[in-house]
Amino acid sequence: MVTSLDGAASAQGRSGSIGGPGDKALFGAIRRVADAIVVGAGTARTENYRMPAEPKLLVIVSRSLDLADDLPALVTGRETGRKPIVVAPRSAPADRIARLATSAELVLVDGDPTPTDAVEAAADRGARVISCEGGPSLLAQFVEDDLIDEWCVTVGHCVLSGTAARILAGRPEQRRDVVLTSVLEHEGTLFLRYLRSASQQG
């Protein structure tokens, strides 16, 4: 995840401008080692998500199936048959389920989808290294469910003020202790890597 010095997770609704070229390079490196990318539907819409390089999986978590037909990942699903996995409630509107069935592999669950549902969907298809790319609400649910082993956080060299969410938002306070393992710097931007502390190893 990326944050400004004062804790904003996005600038004008998007995160990419905070981290700069160094963050883009690191983002690509992390993606290369992941078997699956998990992302919330809101972030997929805002950041115009595309399918990652094959054979990586893309898992989109959605409570409403409110995904536009022109989302690049769905276009790829229709045109090539290489579909994103969309985890959604079984109670979602039937017309949306029918529409997305042609462009996504739907995993329908009882109640609102959870991070565990997303992780299991990826693991059932062979993924072992799973990267959660947000947004803040989904990431906070990952923390609540204690599913994060490693944090990679970019701190941009800017302050933004305003009302942007933090990298975790919308869930009750949950403390998780972590251990700093590396610090990199590029043109004033910091790249921090943390691991789950030994006392919280599951």
N, C-alpha and C. Protein backbone atom coordinates (compact mmCIF):
# COMPACT_ATOMS: atom_id res chain seq x y z
N MET A 1 0.85 -1.19 0.00
CA MET A 1 0.00 0.00 0.00
C MET A 1 0.88 1.24 0.00
N VAL A 2 0.29 2.38 -0.39
CA VAL A 2 1.03 3.64 -0.47
C VAL A 2 0.30 4.68 0.36
N THR A 3 1.06 5.55 1.02
CA THR A 3 0.47 6.58 1.86
C THR A 3 1.30 7.85 1.78
N SER A 4 0.63 9.00 1.92
CA SER A 4 1.35 10.26 2.06
C SER A 4 1.93 10.34 3.47
N LEU A 5 2.77 11.33 3.72
CA LEU A 5 3.37 11.48 5.04
C LEU A 5 2.31 11.69 6.12
N ASP A 6 1.18 12.32 5.77
CA ASP A 6 0.13 12.57 6.76
C ASP A 6 -0.96 11.50 6.73
N GLY A 7 -0.72 10.37 6.06
CA GLY A 7 -1.60 9.22 6.19
C GLY A 7 -2.65 9.03 5.12
N ALA A 8 -2.66 9.85 4.07
CA ALA A 8 -3.66 9.69 3.01
C ALA A 8 -3.27 8.54 2.09
N ALA A 9 -4.26 7.67 1.79
CA ALA A 9 -4.00 6.52 0.93
C ALA A 9 -4.27 6.81 -0.54
N SER A 10 -4.75 8.02 -0.86
CA SER A 10 -5.00 8.37 -2.25
C SER A 10 -4.96 9.87 -2.42
N ALA A 11 -4.70 10.30 -3.65
CA ALA A 11 -4.75 11.70 -4.03
C ALA A 11 -5.74 11.82 -5.18
N GLN A 12 -6.78 12.64 -4.97
CA GLN A 12 -7.86 12.77 -5.95
C GLN A 12 -8.43 11.41 -6.33
N GLY A 13 -8.56 10.55 -5.30
CA GLY A 13 -9.21 9.26 -5.47
C GLY A 13 -8.33 8.13 -5.95
N ARG A 14 -7.07 8.41 -6.29
CA ARG A 14 -6.19 7.36 -6.80
C ARG A 14 -4.87 7.37 -6.03
N SER A 15 -4.22 6.22 -5.97
CA SER A 15 -3.01 6.09 -5.17
C SER A 15 -1.72 6.27 -5.95
N GLY A 16 -1.78 6.12 -7.28
CA GLY A 16 -0.56 6.03 -8.07
C GLY A 16 0.34 7.24 -8.00
N SER A 17 -0.24 8.45 -7.85
CA SER A 17 0.59 9.65 -7.89
C SER A 17 1.38 9.88 -6.62
N ILE A 18 1.07 9.17 -5.54
CA ILE A 18 1.75 9.41 -4.27
C ILE A 18 3.16 8.85 -4.28
N GLY A 19 3.33 7.66 -4.84
CA GLY A 19 4.60 6.96 -4.72
C GLY A 19 5.63 7.28 -5.77
N GLY A 20 5.22 7.72 -6.95
CA GLY A 20 6.18 8.04 -8.00
C GLY A 20 6.75 6.82 -8.69
N PRO A 21 7.80 7.03 -9.51
CA PRO A 21 8.35 5.93 -10.31
C PRO A 21 8.95 4.80 -9.49
N GLY A 22 9.54 5.13 -8.35
CA GLY A 22 10.11 4.07 -7.51
C GLY A 22 9.05 3.12 -7.00
N ASP A 23 7.92 3.67 -6.61
CA ASP A 23 6.82 2.83 -6.14
C ASP A 23 6.28 1.96 -7.26
N LYS A 24 6.18 2.51 -8.47
CA LYS A 24 5.70 1.71 -9.60
C LYS A 24 6.62 0.53 -9.86
N ALA A 25 7.94 0.76 -9.74
CA ALA A 25 8.90 -0.32 -9.96
C ALA A 25 8.76 -1.39 -8.89
N LEU A 26 8.62 -0.96 -7.64
CA LEU A 26 8.49 -1.92 -6.54
C LEU A 26 7.17 -2.67 -6.65
N PHE A 27 6.11 -1.96 -7.02
CA PHE A 27 4.80 -2.59 -7.21
C PHE A 27 4.91 -3.72 -8.24
N GLY A 28 5.60 -3.46 -9.33
CA GLY A 28 5.79 -4.49 -10.35
C GLY A 28 6.59 -5.67 -9.85
N ALA A 29 7.61 -5.40 -9.03
CA ALA A 29 8.43 -6.48 -8.50
C ALA A 29 7.63 -7.37 -7.56
N ILE A 30 6.78 -6.76 -6.73
CA ILE A 30 5.94 -7.55 -5.82
C ILE A 30 4.94 -8.39 -6.62
N ARG A 31 4.37 -7.79 -7.64
CA ARG A 31 3.42 -8.54 -8.48
C ARG A 31 4.07 -9.75 -9.13
N ARG A 32 5.35 -9.62 -9.49
CA ARG A 32 6.01 -10.73 -10.19
C ARG A 32 6.14 -11.96 -9.32
N VAL A 33 6.21 -11.80 -8.00
CA VAL A 33 6.37 -12.98 -7.14
C VAL A 33 5.04 -13.52 -6.64
N ALA A 34 3.95 -12.80 -6.88
CA ALA A 34 2.64 -13.24 -6.41
C ALA A 34 2.01 -14.21 -7.40
N ASP A 35 1.28 -15.18 -6.86
CA ASP A 35 0.49 -16.09 -7.70
C ASP A 35 -0.90 -15.52 -7.98
N ALA A 36 -1.38 -14.69 -7.07
CA ALA A 36 -2.73 -14.13 -7.20
C ALA A 36 -2.75 -12.72 -6.63
N ILE A 37 -3.56 -11.86 -7.25
CA ILE A 37 -3.81 -10.50 -6.79
C ILE A 37 -5.25 -10.45 -6.30
N VAL A 38 -5.44 -9.96 -5.06
CA VAL A 38 -6.78 -9.78 -4.51
C VAL A 38 -7.04 -8.28 -4.37
N VAL A 39 -8.20 -7.84 -4.83
CA VAL A 39 -8.52 -6.42 -4.79
C VAL A 39 -10.02 -6.24 -4.59
N GLY A 40 -10.38 -5.16 -3.90
CA GLY A 40 -11.79 -4.84 -3.74
C GLY A 40 -12.37 -4.26 -5.01
N ALA A 41 -13.68 -4.39 -5.16
CA ALA A 41 -14.33 -3.91 -6.38
C ALA A 41 -14.16 -2.41 -6.56
N GLY A 42 -14.22 -1.64 -5.47
CA GLY A 42 -14.06 -0.19 -5.57
C GLY A 42 -12.71 0.19 -6.14
N THR A 43 -11.65 -0.46 -5.66
CA THR A 43 -10.31 -0.19 -6.18
C THR A 43 -10.20 -0.66 -7.62
N ALA A 44 -10.78 -1.80 -7.94
CA ALA A 44 -10.75 -2.29 -9.33
C ALA A 44 -11.39 -1.28 -10.27
N ARG A 45 -12.50 -0.68 -9.83
CA ARG A 45 -13.17 0.33 -10.66
C ARG A 45 -12.32 1.60 -10.77
N THR A 46 -11.87 2.13 -9.63
CA THR A 46 -11.15 3.40 -9.62
C THR A 46 -9.83 3.31 -10.38
N GLU A 47 -9.12 2.21 -10.19
CA GLU A 47 -7.80 2.05 -10.82
C GLU A 47 -7.88 1.35 -12.17
N ASN A 48 -9.11 1.05 -12.65
CA ASN A 48 -9.30 0.49 -13.99
C ASN A 48 -8.49 -0.80 -14.18
N TYR A 49 -8.73 -1.75 -13.31
CA TYR A 49 -7.89 -2.95 -13.24
C TYR A 49 -7.92 -3.78 -14.51
N ARG A 50 -6.73 -4.26 -14.86
CA ARG A 50 -6.54 -5.17 -15.98
C ARG A 50 -6.12 -6.54 -15.44
N MET A 51 -6.20 -7.55 -16.28
CA MET A 51 -5.70 -8.85 -15.87
C MET A 51 -4.19 -8.79 -15.74
N PRO A 52 -3.62 -9.37 -14.67
CA PRO A 52 -2.17 -9.42 -14.54
C PRO A 52 -1.58 -10.41 -15.53
N ALA A 53 -0.27 -10.39 -15.64
CA ALA A 53 0.41 -11.28 -16.58
C ALA A 53 0.11 -12.74 -16.25
N GLU A 54 -0.15 -13.52 -17.28
CA GLU A 54 -0.43 -14.94 -17.10
C GLU A 54 0.78 -15.63 -16.50
N PRO A 55 0.64 -16.59 -15.59
CA PRO A 55 -0.60 -17.25 -15.18
C PRO A 55 -1.20 -16.69 -13.89
N LYS A 56 -0.86 -15.47 -13.51
CA LYS A 56 -1.38 -14.92 -12.26
C LYS A 56 -2.90 -14.81 -12.29
N LEU A 57 -3.48 -14.98 -11.11
CA LEU A 57 -4.92 -14.86 -10.95
C LEU A 57 -5.26 -13.45 -10.46
N LEU A 58 -6.41 -12.97 -10.86
CA LEU A 58 -6.97 -11.74 -10.32
C LEU A 58 -8.28 -12.09 -9.62
N VAL A 59 -8.36 -11.76 -8.33
CA VAL A 59 -9.56 -12.04 -7.54
C VAL A 59 -10.15 -10.69 -7.11
N ILE A 60 -11.38 -10.42 -7.53
CA ILE A 60 -12.08 -9.18 -7.18
C ILE A 60 -13.16 -9.52 -6.17
N VAL A 61 -13.17 -8.80 -5.05
CA VAL A 61 -14.16 -9.02 -4.00
C VAL A 61 -15.23 -7.95 -4.12
N SER A 62 -16.49 -8.37 -4.30
CA SER A 62 -17.57 -7.42 -4.53
C SER A 62 -18.80 -7.80 -3.72
N ARG A 63 -19.40 -6.84 -3.04
CA ARG A 63 -20.63 -7.10 -2.29
C ARG A 63 -21.88 -6.88 -3.15
N SER A 64 -21.73 -6.17 -4.28
CA SER A 64 -22.92 -5.81 -5.06
C SER A 64 -22.85 -6.23 -6.52
N LEU A 65 -21.69 -6.69 -6.98
CA LEU A 65 -21.46 -7.00 -8.39
C LEU A 65 -21.66 -5.77 -9.28
N ASP A 66 -21.39 -4.60 -8.73
CA ASP A 66 -21.51 -3.36 -9.50
C ASP A 66 -20.20 -3.11 -10.24
N LEU A 67 -19.99 -3.88 -11.28
CA LEU A 67 -18.78 -3.79 -12.09
C LEU A 67 -19.18 -3.51 -13.54
N ALA A 68 -18.62 -2.46 -14.10
CA ALA A 68 -19.00 -2.06 -15.46
C ALA A 68 -18.45 -3.05 -16.48
N ASP A 69 -19.19 -3.23 -17.56
CA ASP A 69 -18.79 -4.16 -18.62
C ASP A 69 -17.46 -3.77 -19.26
N ASP A 70 -17.10 -2.46 -19.21
CA ASP A 70 -15.87 -2.04 -19.87
C ASP A 70 -14.66 -2.06 -18.94
N LEU A 71 -14.79 -2.61 -17.72
CA LEU A 71 -13.61 -2.81 -16.88
C LEU A 71 -12.64 -3.69 -17.66
N PRO A 72 -11.39 -3.25 -17.85
CA PRO A 72 -10.47 -4.01 -18.71
C PRO A 72 -10.35 -5.49 -18.37
N ALA A 73 -10.35 -5.83 -17.08
CA ALA A 73 -10.23 -7.24 -16.70
C ALA A 73 -11.41 -8.05 -17.21
N LEU A 74 -12.61 -7.46 -17.22
CA LEU A 74 -13.79 -8.16 -17.71
C LEU A 74 -13.79 -8.24 -19.23
N VAL A 75 -13.29 -7.21 -19.88
CA VAL A 75 -13.17 -7.24 -21.34
C VAL A 75 -12.26 -8.40 -21.76
N THR A 76 -11.14 -8.55 -21.06
CA THR A 76 -10.23 -9.67 -21.34
C THR A 76 -10.95 -10.99 -21.14
N GLY A 77 -11.75 -11.08 -20.08
CA GLY A 77 -12.48 -12.32 -19.82
C GLY A 77 -13.40 -12.70 -20.96
N ARG A 78 -14.11 -11.71 -21.51
CA ARG A 78 -15.02 -11.99 -22.62
C ARG A 78 -14.28 -12.32 -23.91
N GLU A 79 -13.19 -11.59 -24.16
CA GLU A 79 -12.53 -11.70 -25.46
C GLU A 79 -11.57 -12.88 -25.55
N THR A 80 -10.96 -13.26 -24.43
CA THR A 80 -9.94 -14.31 -24.48
C THR A 80 -10.30 -15.54 -23.67
N GLY A 81 -11.31 -15.42 -22.80
CA GLY A 81 -11.65 -16.54 -21.93
C GLY A 81 -10.80 -16.62 -20.69
N ARG A 82 -9.81 -15.74 -20.56
CA ARG A 82 -9.00 -15.70 -19.33
C ARG A 82 -9.67 -14.72 -18.37
N LYS A 83 -10.45 -15.27 -17.44
CA LYS A 83 -11.37 -14.45 -16.67
C LYS A 83 -10.85 -14.16 -15.27
N PRO A 84 -11.17 -12.97 -14.74
CA PRO A 84 -10.93 -12.72 -13.33
C PRO A 84 -11.92 -13.54 -12.50
N ILE A 85 -11.52 -13.82 -11.26
CA ILE A 85 -12.41 -14.47 -10.31
C ILE A 85 -13.12 -13.37 -9.53
N VAL A 86 -14.42 -13.41 -9.48
CA VAL A 86 -15.19 -12.41 -8.72
C VAL A 86 -15.92 -13.13 -7.60
N VAL A 87 -15.57 -12.76 -6.37
CA VAL A 87 -16.21 -13.34 -5.18
C VAL A 87 -17.32 -12.40 -4.74
N ALA A 88 -18.55 -12.91 -4.67
CA ALA A 88 -19.71 -12.05 -4.43
C ALA A 88 -20.77 -12.83 -3.67
N PRO A 89 -21.73 -12.12 -3.08
CA PRO A 89 -22.81 -12.81 -2.36
C PRO A 89 -23.78 -13.51 -3.30
N ARG A 90 -24.25 -14.63 -2.86
CA ARG A 90 -25.23 -15.38 -3.64
C ARG A 90 -26.51 -14.58 -3.83
N SER A 91 -26.74 -13.62 -2.92
CA SER A 91 -27.95 -12.81 -2.97
C SER A 91 -27.85 -11.59 -3.89
N ALA A 92 -26.73 -11.45 -4.60
CA ALA A 92 -26.58 -10.32 -5.53
C ALA A 92 -27.67 -10.38 -6.59
N PRO A 93 -28.01 -9.24 -7.19
CA PRO A 93 -29.08 -9.23 -8.20
C PRO A 93 -28.84 -10.26 -9.30
N ALA A 94 -29.89 -11.01 -9.62
CA ALA A 94 -29.76 -12.10 -10.59
C ALA A 94 -29.31 -11.61 -11.96
N ASP A 95 -29.75 -10.39 -12.37
CA ASP A 95 -29.36 -9.90 -13.68
C ASP A 95 -27.86 -9.60 -13.73
N ARG A 96 -27.29 -9.13 -12.61
CA ARG A 96 -25.85 -8.88 -12.57
C ARG A 96 -25.06 -10.18 -12.59
N ILE A 97 -25.56 -11.19 -11.87
CA ILE A 97 -24.90 -12.49 -11.89
C ILE A 97 -24.87 -13.04 -13.31
N ALA A 98 -26.01 -12.98 -14.01
CA ALA A 98 -26.09 -13.51 -15.37
C ALA A 98 -25.18 -12.73 -16.32
N ARG A 99 -25.14 -11.40 -16.15
CA ARG A 99 -24.32 -10.58 -17.04
C ARG A 99 -22.83 -10.86 -16.86
N LEU A 100 -22.39 -10.97 -15.59
CA LEU A 100 -20.96 -11.16 -15.33
C LEU A 100 -20.48 -12.58 -15.59
N ALA A 101 -21.40 -13.52 -15.67
CA ALA A 101 -21.01 -14.92 -15.89
C ALA A 101 -20.28 -15.11 -17.21
N THR A 102 -20.46 -14.21 -18.17
CA THR A 102 -19.78 -14.34 -19.46
C THR A 102 -18.37 -13.78 -19.44
N SER A 103 -18.02 -12.96 -18.43
CA SER A 103 -16.73 -12.29 -18.43
C SER A 103 -15.91 -12.55 -17.17
N ALA A 104 -16.49 -13.26 -16.19
CA ALA A 104 -15.79 -13.54 -14.94
C ALA A 104 -16.14 -14.93 -14.45
N GLU A 105 -15.23 -15.49 -13.67
CA GLU A 105 -15.50 -16.75 -12.98
C GLU A 105 -16.09 -16.37 -11.62
N LEU A 106 -17.36 -16.62 -11.43
CA LEU A 106 -18.05 -16.19 -10.22
C LEU A 106 -17.93 -17.24 -9.11
N VAL A 107 -17.57 -16.75 -7.93
CA VAL A 107 -17.58 -17.57 -6.72
C VAL A 107 -18.62 -16.93 -5.79
N LEU A 108 -19.77 -17.57 -5.67
CA LEU A 108 -20.88 -17.01 -4.90
C LEU A 108 -20.90 -17.61 -3.51
N VAL A 109 -21.02 -16.75 -2.51
CA VAL A 109 -20.95 -17.19 -1.11
C VAL A 109 -22.19 -16.70 -0.37
N ASP A 110 -22.46 -17.32 0.76
CA ASP A 110 -23.55 -16.88 1.61
C ASP A 110 -23.12 -15.65 2.39
N GLY A 111 -23.94 -14.61 2.39
CA GLY A 111 -23.58 -13.38 3.08
C GLY A 111 -22.54 -12.58 2.31
N ASP A 112 -22.04 -11.50 2.94
CA ASP A 112 -21.03 -10.68 2.29
C ASP A 112 -19.73 -11.46 2.14
N PRO A 113 -19.03 -11.32 1.02
CA PRO A 113 -17.77 -12.03 0.85
C PRO A 113 -16.72 -11.53 1.82
N THR A 114 -15.87 -12.42 2.28
CA THR A 114 -14.83 -12.10 3.25
C THR A 114 -13.45 -12.31 2.64
N PRO A 115 -12.40 -11.76 3.28
CA PRO A 115 -11.05 -12.06 2.81
C PRO A 115 -10.76 -13.56 2.76
N THR A 116 -11.29 -14.30 3.74
CA THR A 116 -11.07 -15.76 3.73
C THR A 116 -11.66 -16.38 2.47
N ASP A 117 -12.83 -15.92 2.05
CA ASP A 117 -13.43 -16.42 0.80
C ASP A 117 -12.49 -16.16 -0.38
N ALA A 118 -11.92 -14.96 -0.42
CA ALA A 118 -11.03 -14.60 -1.53
C ALA A 118 -9.75 -15.43 -1.51
N VAL A 119 -9.16 -15.59 -0.32
CA VAL A 119 -7.93 -16.38 -0.20
C VAL A 119 -8.20 -17.83 -0.57
N GLU A 120 -9.32 -18.38 -0.11
CA GLU A 120 -9.63 -19.77 -0.45
C GLU A 120 -9.88 -19.95 -1.94
N ALA A 121 -10.52 -18.97 -2.57
CA ALA A 121 -10.75 -19.07 -4.02
C ALA A 121 -9.42 -19.10 -4.77
N ALA A 122 -8.47 -18.28 -4.33
CA ALA A 122 -7.15 -18.27 -4.97
C ALA A 122 -6.38 -19.56 -4.67
N ALA A 123 -6.41 -19.99 -3.40
CA ALA A 123 -5.66 -21.18 -3.01
C ALA A 123 -6.21 -22.43 -3.69
N ASP A 124 -7.53 -22.50 -3.85
CA ASP A 124 -8.13 -23.66 -4.52
C ASP A 124 -7.67 -23.78 -5.97
N ARG A 125 -7.19 -22.68 -6.53
CA ARG A 125 -6.71 -22.69 -7.91
C ARG A 125 -5.19 -22.68 -7.98
N GLY A 126 -4.55 -23.04 -6.89
CA GLY A 126 -3.11 -23.26 -6.88
C GLY A 126 -2.25 -22.12 -6.38
N ALA A 127 -2.84 -20.99 -6.00
CA ALA A 127 -2.06 -19.84 -5.55
C ALA A 127 -1.53 -20.08 -4.14
N ARG A 128 -0.27 -19.73 -3.94
CA ARG A 128 0.35 -19.83 -2.62
C ARG A 128 0.82 -18.47 -2.11
N VAL A 129 1.27 -17.61 -2.99
CA VAL A 129 1.66 -16.25 -2.62
C VAL A 129 0.56 -15.31 -3.12
N ILE A 130 -0.12 -14.66 -2.19
CA ILE A 130 -1.28 -13.84 -2.53
C ILE A 130 -1.01 -12.41 -2.09
N SER A 131 -1.17 -11.47 -3.01
CA SER A 131 -0.95 -10.06 -2.72
C SER A 131 -2.29 -9.33 -2.68
N CYS A 132 -2.58 -8.68 -1.56
CA CYS A 132 -3.79 -7.86 -1.45
C CYS A 132 -3.42 -6.42 -1.78
N GLU A 133 -4.07 -5.87 -2.81
CA GLU A 133 -3.76 -4.51 -3.26
C GLU A 133 -4.81 -3.49 -2.81
N GLY A 134 -5.63 -3.86 -1.84
CA GLY A 134 -6.58 -2.90 -1.29
C GLY A 134 -7.95 -3.01 -1.94
N GLY A 135 -8.75 -1.98 -1.74
CA GLY A 135 -8.47 -0.76 -1.05
C GLY A 135 -8.53 -0.84 0.46
N PRO A 136 -8.59 0.35 1.09
CA PRO A 136 -8.50 0.43 2.55
C PRO A 136 -9.54 -0.40 3.29
N SER A 137 -10.76 -0.48 2.79
CA SER A 137 -11.79 -1.25 3.47
C SER A 137 -11.48 -2.75 3.44
N LEU A 138 -11.11 -3.26 2.26
CA LEU A 138 -10.79 -4.69 2.15
C LEU A 138 -9.55 -5.01 2.98
N LEU A 139 -8.54 -4.15 2.92
CA LEU A 139 -7.31 -4.41 3.67
C LEU A 139 -7.60 -4.43 5.17
N ALA A 140 -8.48 -3.55 5.64
CA ALA A 140 -8.84 -3.56 7.06
C ALA A 140 -9.52 -4.87 7.44
N GLN A 141 -10.30 -5.44 6.52
CA GLN A 141 -10.92 -6.74 6.80
C GLN A 141 -9.86 -7.83 6.86
N PHE A 142 -8.82 -7.74 6.01
CA PHE A 142 -7.72 -8.71 6.09
C PHE A 142 -7.05 -8.65 7.45
N VAL A 143 -6.86 -7.43 7.97
CA VAL A 143 -6.26 -7.28 9.30
C VAL A 143 -7.18 -7.87 10.36
N GLU A 144 -8.46 -7.57 10.27
CA GLU A 144 -9.43 -8.07 11.24
C GLU A 144 -9.43 -9.59 11.27
N ASP A 145 -9.28 -10.23 10.10
CA ASP A 145 -9.26 -11.69 10.01
C ASP A 145 -7.87 -12.27 10.22
N ASP A 146 -6.88 -11.41 10.50
CA ASP A 146 -5.50 -11.82 10.80
C ASP A 146 -4.89 -12.67 9.68
N LEU A 147 -5.00 -12.16 8.46
CA LEU A 147 -4.54 -12.91 7.29
C LEU A 147 -3.27 -12.34 6.64
N ILE A 148 -2.65 -11.33 7.27
CA ILE A 148 -1.51 -10.69 6.62
C ILE A 148 -0.21 -11.12 7.28
N ASP A 149 0.69 -11.66 6.48
CA ASP A 149 2.02 -12.07 6.96
C ASP A 149 3.08 -11.03 6.67
N GLU A 150 2.89 -10.21 5.64
CA GLU A 150 3.91 -9.28 5.20
C GLU A 150 3.26 -7.98 4.74
N TRP A 151 3.87 -6.86 5.14
CA TRP A 151 3.41 -5.53 4.73
C TRP A 151 4.49 -4.88 3.88
N CYS A 152 4.11 -4.34 2.74
CA CYS A 152 5.01 -3.51 1.93
C CYS A 152 4.33 -2.15 1.80
N VAL A 153 4.90 -1.13 2.42
CA VAL A 153 4.28 0.18 2.52
C VAL A 153 5.21 1.23 1.94
N THR A 154 4.69 2.01 1.00
CA THR A 154 5.41 3.14 0.43
C THR A 154 4.93 4.42 1.11
N VAL A 155 5.89 5.23 1.59
CA VAL A 155 5.58 6.53 2.18
C VAL A 155 6.07 7.61 1.22
N GLY A 156 5.13 8.26 0.54
CA GLY A 156 5.50 9.28 -0.44
C GLY A 156 5.99 10.55 0.22
N HIS A 157 6.79 11.33 -0.53
CA HIS A 157 7.34 12.57 0.02
C HIS A 157 6.38 13.74 -0.23
N CYS A 158 5.19 13.62 0.37
CA CYS A 158 4.18 14.66 0.22
C CYS A 158 3.22 14.61 1.40
N VAL A 159 2.57 15.74 1.65
CA VAL A 159 1.43 15.78 2.56
C VAL A 159 0.22 16.23 1.74
N LEU A 160 -0.96 15.69 2.07
CA LEU A 160 -2.12 15.93 1.23
C LEU A 160 -3.28 16.59 1.95
N SER A 161 -3.33 16.46 3.28
CA SER A 161 -4.47 16.97 4.03
C SER A 161 -5.75 16.36 3.45
N GLY A 162 -6.88 17.07 3.53
CA GLY A 162 -8.12 16.54 2.95
C GLY A 162 -8.73 15.42 3.76
N THR A 163 -9.58 14.65 3.12
CA THR A 163 -10.37 13.62 3.81
C THR A 163 -10.11 12.21 3.29
N ALA A 164 -9.02 11.99 2.58
CA ALA A 164 -8.74 10.66 2.04
C ALA A 164 -8.59 9.64 3.16
N ALA A 165 -9.03 8.41 2.88
CA ALA A 165 -8.92 7.33 3.86
C ALA A 165 -7.46 6.97 4.12
N ARG A 166 -7.20 6.39 5.28
CA ARG A 166 -5.89 5.78 5.55
C ARG A 166 -5.80 4.47 4.78
N ILE A 167 -4.64 3.79 4.86
CA ILE A 167 -4.52 2.52 4.15
C ILE A 167 -5.39 1.43 4.76
N LEU A 168 -5.86 1.65 6.00
CA LEU A 168 -6.88 0.81 6.61
C LEU A 168 -8.04 1.70 7.00
N ALA A 169 -9.25 1.30 6.67
CA ALA A 169 -10.39 2.17 6.98
C ALA A 169 -11.66 1.35 7.10
N GLY A 170 -12.56 1.82 7.97
CA GLY A 170 -13.91 1.29 8.00
C GLY A 170 -14.16 0.09 8.89
N ARG A 171 -13.16 -0.32 9.68
CA ARG A 171 -13.36 -1.47 10.56
C ARG A 171 -12.96 -1.09 11.99
N PRO A 172 -13.40 -1.86 13.00
CA PRO A 172 -12.99 -1.57 14.37
C PRO A 172 -11.47 -1.63 14.53
N GLU A 173 -10.98 -0.93 15.53
CA GLU A 173 -9.53 -0.90 15.77
C GLU A 173 -9.02 -2.31 16.06
N GLN A 174 -7.94 -2.67 15.37
CA GLN A 174 -7.30 -3.97 15.55
C GLN A 174 -5.79 -3.75 15.59
N ARG A 175 -5.15 -4.11 16.67
CA ARG A 175 -3.69 -3.96 16.75
C ARG A 175 -3.01 -5.23 16.29
N ARG A 176 -2.02 -5.07 15.43
CA ARG A 176 -1.17 -6.16 15.00
C ARG A 176 0.28 -5.67 15.05
N ASP A 177 1.12 -6.31 15.85
CA ASP A 177 2.52 -5.92 15.93
C ASP A 177 3.29 -6.52 14.76
N VAL A 178 4.19 -5.72 14.19
CA VAL A 178 4.97 -6.15 13.03
C VAL A 178 6.44 -5.81 13.26
N VAL A 179 7.30 -6.43 12.46
CA VAL A 179 8.75 -6.26 12.60
C VAL A 179 9.30 -5.66 11.31
N LEU A 180 9.99 -4.53 11.41
CA LEU A 180 10.59 -3.90 10.24
C LEU A 180 11.79 -4.72 9.78
N THR A 181 11.80 -5.11 8.50
CA THR A 181 12.89 -5.94 7.98
C THR A 181 13.74 -5.23 6.94
N SER A 182 13.21 -4.17 6.30
CA SER A 182 14.04 -3.45 5.32
C SER A 182 13.46 -2.07 5.07
N VAL A 183 14.37 -1.14 4.74
CA VAL A 183 14.01 0.23 4.38
C VAL A 183 14.79 0.61 3.13
N LEU A 184 14.08 1.03 2.10
CA LEU A 184 14.73 1.54 0.89
C LEU A 184 14.26 2.98 0.67
N GLU A 185 15.08 3.74 -0.05
CA GLU A 185 14.72 5.13 -0.34
C GLU A 185 15.04 5.43 -1.80
N HIS A 186 14.13 6.17 -2.45
CA HIS A 186 14.36 6.59 -3.82
C HIS A 186 13.76 7.96 -4.02
N GLU A 187 14.61 8.95 -4.26
CA GLU A 187 14.18 10.32 -4.53
C GLU A 187 13.21 10.84 -3.47
N GLY A 188 13.53 10.54 -2.20
CA GLY A 188 12.74 11.05 -1.09
C GLY A 188 11.56 10.20 -0.68
N THR A 189 11.28 9.13 -1.43
CA THR A 189 10.18 8.23 -1.09
C THR A 189 10.75 7.02 -0.35
N LEU A 190 10.08 6.61 0.72
CA LEU A 190 10.53 5.48 1.53
C LEU A 190 9.71 4.24 1.19
N PHE A 191 10.41 3.09 1.21
CA PHE A 191 9.77 1.81 0.97
C PHE A 191 10.06 0.92 2.17
N LEU A 192 9.02 0.54 2.90
CA LEU A 192 9.16 -0.18 4.16
C LEU A 192 8.57 -1.57 4.03
N ARG A 193 9.31 -2.55 4.51
CA ARG A 193 8.82 -3.94 4.51
C ARG A 193 8.79 -4.44 5.94
N TYR A 194 7.62 -4.94 6.33
CA TYR A 194 7.42 -5.48 7.67
C TYR A 194 6.91 -6.91 7.58
N LEU A 195 7.25 -7.72 8.58
CA LEU A 195 6.72 -9.07 8.70
C LEU A 195 5.93 -9.20 9.99
N ARG A 196 5.01 -10.13 9.98
CA ARG A 196 4.28 -10.47 11.22
C ARG A 196 5.28 -10.76 12.34
N SER A 197 5.04 -10.24 13.53
CA SER A 197 5.97 -10.46 14.63
C SER A 197 5.92 -11.92 15.08
N ALA A 198 7.04 -12.40 15.65
CA ALA A 198 7.13 -13.80 16.07
C ALA A 198 6.04 -14.14 17.07
N SER A 199 5.64 -13.18 17.90
CA SER A 199 4.64 -13.45 18.92
C SER A 199 3.25 -13.68 18.33
N GLN A 200 3.07 -13.30 17.04
CA GLN A 200 1.76 -13.46 16.41
C GLN A 200 1.78 -14.45 15.26
N GLN A 201 2.83 -15.27 15.19
CA GLN A 201 2.86 -16.30 14.16
C GLN A 201 1.74 -17.30 14.42
N GLY A 202 0.98 -17.61 13.36
CA GLY A 202 -0.15 -18.53 13.53
C GLY A 202 0.23 -19.96 13.28
